[in-house]
Protein backbone atom coordinates (compact mmCIF):
# COMPACT_ATOMS: atom_id res chain seq x y z
CA UNK A 1 167.30 131.18 -60.73
CA UNK A 2 170.28 128.86 -60.70
CA UNK A 3 172.66 128.04 -57.86
CA UNK A 4 175.94 127.67 -59.73
CA UNK A 5 177.83 126.00 -56.86
CA UNK A 6 176.63 124.01 -53.86
CA UNK A 7 177.54 120.90 -51.90
CA UNK A 8 174.21 119.09 -51.62
CA UNK A 9 176.02 115.76 -51.41
CA UNK A 10 177.64 116.87 -48.16
CA UNK A 11 176.64 114.84 -45.12
CA UNK A 12 175.21 118.01 -43.57
CA UNK A 13 172.19 117.58 -45.84
CA UNK A 14 171.74 113.83 -45.39
CA UNK A 15 168.96 114.08 -42.82
CA UNK A 16 166.63 116.47 -44.64
CA UNK A 17 167.76 116.47 -48.26
CA UNK A 18 164.20 116.16 -49.57
CA UNK A 19 163.09 119.25 -47.65
CA UNK A 20 166.13 121.25 -48.80
CA UNK A 21 165.41 120.40 -52.43
CA UNK A 22 161.72 121.19 -51.98
CA UNK A 23 162.55 124.62 -50.55
CA UNK A 24 164.90 125.35 -53.44
CA UNK A 25 162.32 124.47 -56.02
CA UNK A 26 159.62 126.41 -54.19
CA UNK A 27 161.90 129.46 -54.18
CA UNK A 28 162.20 129.25 -57.97
CA UNK A 29 165.66 127.67 -58.23
CA UNK A 30 165.44 125.73 -61.48
CA UNK A 31 168.69 123.81 -61.11
CA UNK A 32 172.03 123.73 -59.32
CA UNK A 33 175.58 122.63 -59.95
CA UNK A 34 176.48 120.17 -57.20
CA UNK A 35 180.19 119.84 -56.50
CA UNK A 36 181.59 116.41 -55.65
CA UNK A 37 184.95 115.47 -54.20
CA UNK A 38 186.51 112.95 -56.57
CA UNK A 39 186.79 109.51 -55.04
CA UNK A 40 184.48 110.23 -52.09
CA UNK A 41 182.14 107.22 -51.95
CA UNK A 42 179.75 108.80 -49.44
CA UNK A 43 179.28 111.89 -51.57
CA UNK A 44 178.79 109.78 -54.68
CA UNK A 45 176.03 107.81 -52.97
CA UNK A 46 174.27 110.96 -51.76
CA UNK A 47 174.66 112.51 -55.21
CA UNK A 48 172.48 109.74 -56.59
CA UNK A 49 169.80 110.65 -54.09
CA UNK A 50 170.13 114.35 -54.98
CA UNK A 51 169.57 113.53 -58.63
CA UNK A 52 166.54 111.38 -57.87
CA UNK A 53 164.98 114.26 -55.94
CA UNK A 54 166.07 116.98 -58.36
CA UNK A 55 166.73 115.61 -61.87
CA UNK A 56 167.70 119.06 -63.16
CA UNK A 57 170.89 119.21 -61.09
CA UNK A 58 174.26 118.84 -62.73
CA UNK A 59 177.61 117.90 -61.19
CA UNK A 60 181.21 119.03 -61.10
CA UNK A 61 183.87 116.55 -60.01
CA UNK A 62 187.43 117.29 -58.99
CA UNK A 63 190.20 117.07 -56.42
CA UNK A 64 190.10 120.10 -54.13
CA UNK A 65 193.46 121.58 -53.10
CA UNK A 66 192.79 120.50 -49.52
CA UNK A 67 192.83 116.87 -50.71
CA UNK A 68 195.73 117.24 -53.14
CA UNK A 69 198.12 115.70 -50.62
CA UNK A 70 196.41 112.35 -51.20
CA UNK A 71 198.10 112.34 -54.62
CA UNK A 72 201.50 113.66 -53.58
CA UNK A 73 203.26 110.53 -54.82
CA UNK A 74 201.67 110.76 -58.27
CA UNK A 75 199.62 113.85 -59.16
CA UNK A 76 198.47 112.32 -62.42
CA UNK A 77 196.63 109.69 -60.40
CA UNK A 78 194.19 112.46 -59.46
CA UNK A 79 193.37 112.75 -63.14
CA UNK A 80 192.60 109.04 -63.35
CA UNK A 81 190.18 109.29 -60.41
CA UNK A 82 188.42 112.35 -61.84
CA UNK A 83 188.25 110.93 -65.35
CA UNK A 84 186.74 107.68 -64.12
CA UNK A 85 184.09 109.43 -62.04
CA UNK A 86 183.21 111.86 -64.82
CA UNK A 87 182.70 108.94 -67.18
CA UNK A 88 180.43 107.21 -64.66
CA UNK A 89 178.36 110.37 -64.04
CA UNK A 90 176.30 111.32 -67.12
CA UNK A 91 175.07 114.51 -65.43
CA UNK A 92 178.61 115.77 -64.79
CA UNK A 93 179.44 118.93 -66.68
CA UNK A 94 182.68 120.29 -65.22
CA UNK A 95 186.00 119.52 -63.58
CA UNK A 96 186.01 121.05 -60.13
CA UNK A 97 186.37 122.41 -57.72
CA UNK A 98 190.09 122.56 -58.31
CA UNK A 99 192.75 125.14 -57.60
CA UNK A 100 195.03 126.48 -54.89
CA UNK A 101 194.49 127.34 -51.23
CA UNK A 102 197.43 128.98 -49.48
CA UNK A 103 195.33 130.10 -46.51
CA UNK A 104 194.98 126.70 -44.87
CA UNK A 105 197.84 124.94 -46.69
CA UNK A 106 196.29 121.54 -45.96
CA UNK A 107 198.38 120.20 -48.83
CA UNK A 108 201.94 121.23 -49.71
CA UNK A 109 201.91 124.06 -52.22
CA UNK A 110 203.97 122.24 -54.82
CA UNK A 111 201.57 119.30 -54.64
CA UNK A 112 198.55 121.60 -54.93
CA UNK A 113 200.08 123.14 -58.03
CA UNK A 114 200.89 119.79 -59.65
CA UNK A 115 197.38 118.39 -59.02
CA UNK A 116 195.80 121.63 -60.25
CA UNK A 117 197.89 121.62 -63.42
CA UNK A 118 197.01 118.00 -64.13
CA UNK A 119 193.29 118.67 -63.80
CA UNK A 120 193.40 121.76 -66.00
CA UNK A 121 195.06 119.64 -68.65
CA UNK A 122 192.34 117.02 -68.24
CA UNK A 123 189.65 119.65 -68.72
CA UNK A 124 191.39 120.86 -71.86
CA UNK A 125 191.57 117.30 -73.18
CA UNK A 126 187.88 116.64 -72.45
CA UNK A 127 186.62 120.05 -73.50
CA UNK A 128 185.05 120.64 -70.08
CA UNK A 129 184.82 123.86 -68.09
CA UNK A 130 186.55 124.09 -64.74
CA UNK A 131 185.41 125.38 -61.35
CA UNK A 132 188.32 127.17 -59.69
CA UNK A 133 188.94 127.64 -55.96
CA UNK A 134 191.66 130.14 -55.20
CA UNK A 135 192.55 131.63 -51.84
CA UNK A 136 195.62 133.76 -51.15
CA UNK A 137 197.15 132.26 -54.30
CA UNK A 138 196.16 134.73 -57.01
CA UNK A 139 199.45 134.92 -58.92
CA UNK A 140 200.03 131.17 -59.03
CA UNK A 141 196.40 130.44 -59.93
CA UNK A 142 196.43 132.84 -62.85
CA UNK A 143 199.84 131.62 -64.00
CA UNK A 144 198.70 128.00 -64.08
CA UNK A 145 195.49 128.88 -65.90
CA UNK A 146 197.51 130.75 -68.51
CA UNK A 147 200.20 128.11 -68.86
CA UNK A 148 198.01 125.01 -68.88
CA UNK A 149 194.73 126.39 -70.21
CA UNK A 150 196.29 128.57 -72.85
CA UNK A 151 193.09 130.58 -73.19
CA UNK A 152 191.26 127.46 -74.36
CA UNK A 153 189.94 126.26 -71.00
CA UNK A 154 186.85 128.12 -69.86
CA UNK A 155 185.42 128.12 -66.38
CA UNK A 156 184.46 130.09 -63.32
CA UNK A 157 186.29 131.65 -60.39
CA UNK A 158 183.89 130.44 -57.73
CA UNK A 159 182.96 132.13 -54.45
CA UNK A 160 184.91 135.17 -55.59
CA UNK A 161 186.35 137.35 -52.82
CA UNK A 162 189.44 138.54 -54.64
CA UNK A 163 190.86 141.79 -55.88
CA UNK A 164 189.79 143.78 -58.93
CA UNK A 165 193.07 142.64 -60.51
CA UNK A 166 192.16 138.97 -60.06
CA UNK A 167 188.70 139.60 -61.48
CA UNK A 168 190.22 141.31 -64.52
CA UNK A 169 192.71 138.48 -65.04
CA UNK A 170 189.88 135.96 -64.91
CA UNK A 171 187.75 137.96 -67.34
CA UNK A 172 190.70 138.31 -69.70
CA UNK A 173 191.02 134.51 -69.71
CA UNK A 174 187.34 134.23 -70.65
CA UNK A 175 186.23 133.10 -67.21
CA UNK A 176 183.01 133.84 -65.39
CA UNK A 177 182.98 135.24 -61.85
CA UNK A 178 180.63 133.72 -59.27
CA UNK A 179 179.56 135.58 -56.14
CA UNK A 180 178.35 133.92 -52.96
CA UNK A 181 176.82 135.01 -49.65
CA UNK A 182 179.81 137.12 -48.67
CA UNK A 183 178.57 139.76 -51.13
CA UNK A 184 175.69 140.44 -48.70
CA UNK A 185 177.86 140.96 -45.61
CA UNK A 186 177.92 144.51 -44.23
CA UNK A 187 181.72 144.77 -44.38
CA UNK A 188 181.97 143.51 -47.98
CA UNK A 189 181.90 146.97 -49.56
CA UNK A 190 185.11 146.45 -51.53
CA UNK A 191 183.80 143.17 -52.91
CA UNK A 192 180.58 144.86 -53.98
CA UNK A 193 182.64 147.53 -55.75
CA UNK A 194 184.51 144.79 -57.60
CA UNK A 195 181.23 143.06 -58.49
CA UNK A 196 179.95 146.31 -60.00
CA UNK A 197 182.84 146.23 -62.48
CA UNK A 198 182.08 142.66 -63.62
CA UNK A 199 179.91 142.64 -66.76
CA UNK A 200 176.46 141.14 -66.30
CA UNK A 201 177.29 138.71 -69.11
CA UNK A 202 180.03 137.16 -66.93
CA UNK A 203 178.28 136.94 -63.56
CA UNK A 204 177.10 133.81 -61.78
CA UNK A 205 175.39 133.44 -58.40
CA UNK A 206 176.04 130.64 -55.95
CA UNK A 207 175.42 129.64 -52.37
CA UNK A 208 178.46 127.39 -51.77
CA UNK A 209 176.06 125.77 -49.32
CA UNK A 210 176.20 124.55 -46.62
CA UNK A 211 178.75 127.33 -46.11
CA UNK A 212 178.55 131.14 -46.12
CA UNK A 213 174.84 131.75 -45.64
CA UNK A 214 173.91 135.25 -46.81
CA UNK A 215 172.29 137.95 -44.72
CA UNK A 216 169.74 137.52 -43.10
CA UNK A 217 170.59 133.80 -42.67
CA UNK A 218 174.20 134.34 -41.67
CA UNK A 219 175.35 131.90 -39.00
CA UNK A 220 172.95 129.16 -40.09
CA UNK A 221 173.36 126.30 -42.53
CA UNK A 222 173.20 127.64 -46.06
CA UNK A 223 171.11 126.00 -48.80
CA UNK A 224 170.30 126.57 -52.50
CA UNK A 225 167.04 128.43 -51.82
CA UNK A 226 169.13 131.27 -50.43
CA UNK A 227 170.67 132.02 -53.83
CA UNK A 228 167.82 134.50 -54.20
CA UNK A 229 169.56 136.77 -51.69
CA UNK A 230 172.77 136.80 -53.73
CA UNK A 231 170.82 137.58 -56.89
CA UNK A 232 168.94 140.39 -55.14
CA UNK A 233 172.24 141.89 -53.97
CA UNK A 234 173.87 141.64 -57.40
CA UNK A 235 170.78 143.24 -58.94
CA UNK A 236 171.07 146.16 -56.54
CA UNK A 237 174.77 146.57 -57.29
CA UNK A 238 174.11 146.68 -61.04
CA UNK A 239 170.98 148.79 -60.79
CA UNK A 240 168.59 146.30 -62.39
CA UNK A 241 165.66 144.34 -61.03
CA UNK A 242 166.17 140.92 -59.49
CA UNK A 243 164.28 139.16 -62.26
CA UNK A 244 166.65 140.55 -64.87
CA UNK A 245 169.68 139.52 -62.84
CA UNK A 246 168.24 136.03 -62.38
CA UNK A 247 167.83 135.76 -66.15
CA UNK A 248 171.38 137.00 -66.79
CA UNK A 249 173.00 134.59 -64.35
CA UNK A 250 170.88 131.68 -65.56
CA UNK A 251 171.78 132.39 -69.18
CA UNK A 252 175.46 132.59 -68.24
CA UNK A 253 175.21 129.25 -66.44
CA UNK A 254 173.68 127.64 -69.51
CA UNK A 255 176.37 129.09 -71.74
CA UNK A 256 179.19 127.82 -69.55
CA UNK A 257 177.91 124.43 -68.43
CA UNK A 258 175.54 123.48 -71.29
CA UNK A 259 173.23 121.68 -68.86
């Protein structure tokens, strides 16, 4: 199994990181993609510890839309920060998470869009996949991916909770769709219906830990070991056994991120 998106460098894990990694490996999680906030010195330091404990992990580095306001004066400066950190991180494989979040609007929307565009262009230049965060911004997200990526930038719509239309737009662009713990929630029937329509060859599984712990861990801190619950749920949706789904999602991860 692979956890295609987690935040192990978050301070939430600082006190028991070794135990969290041990539980993941004991559960059969072979590797994870750890997402880092570009320019965050604390996360960078903890990322080094993550890699020492779990050499198979890989990293994604980007400016999240919540932090886009830090580059309001010069959105291209975000690219410089991401580029520098990617260069200094040999295990980095992707630009992300990047995108748009109109739910919280912690950064002005025009700034979010400019920073997102700049990072998509960087990914295109570097030939790297992107990890996309989109919330209540479907039309603008898809438009920017089409305009800046031009069908040449690959990536993943992470922690997908969107509509069938958004899933289809992502698939048409060649993107993968990653499901997180929300897929296990009792009231997530519509999301499970959407997941059924996503081809197995385009599915990924993630925890987005420490957030969104799946049932039966809901309400607790999430961690990579719990990706097994997402894989079990996806297997049930697609009518295959969990081992087959684990193999599908792992193969898709390897195709996208070339770990």
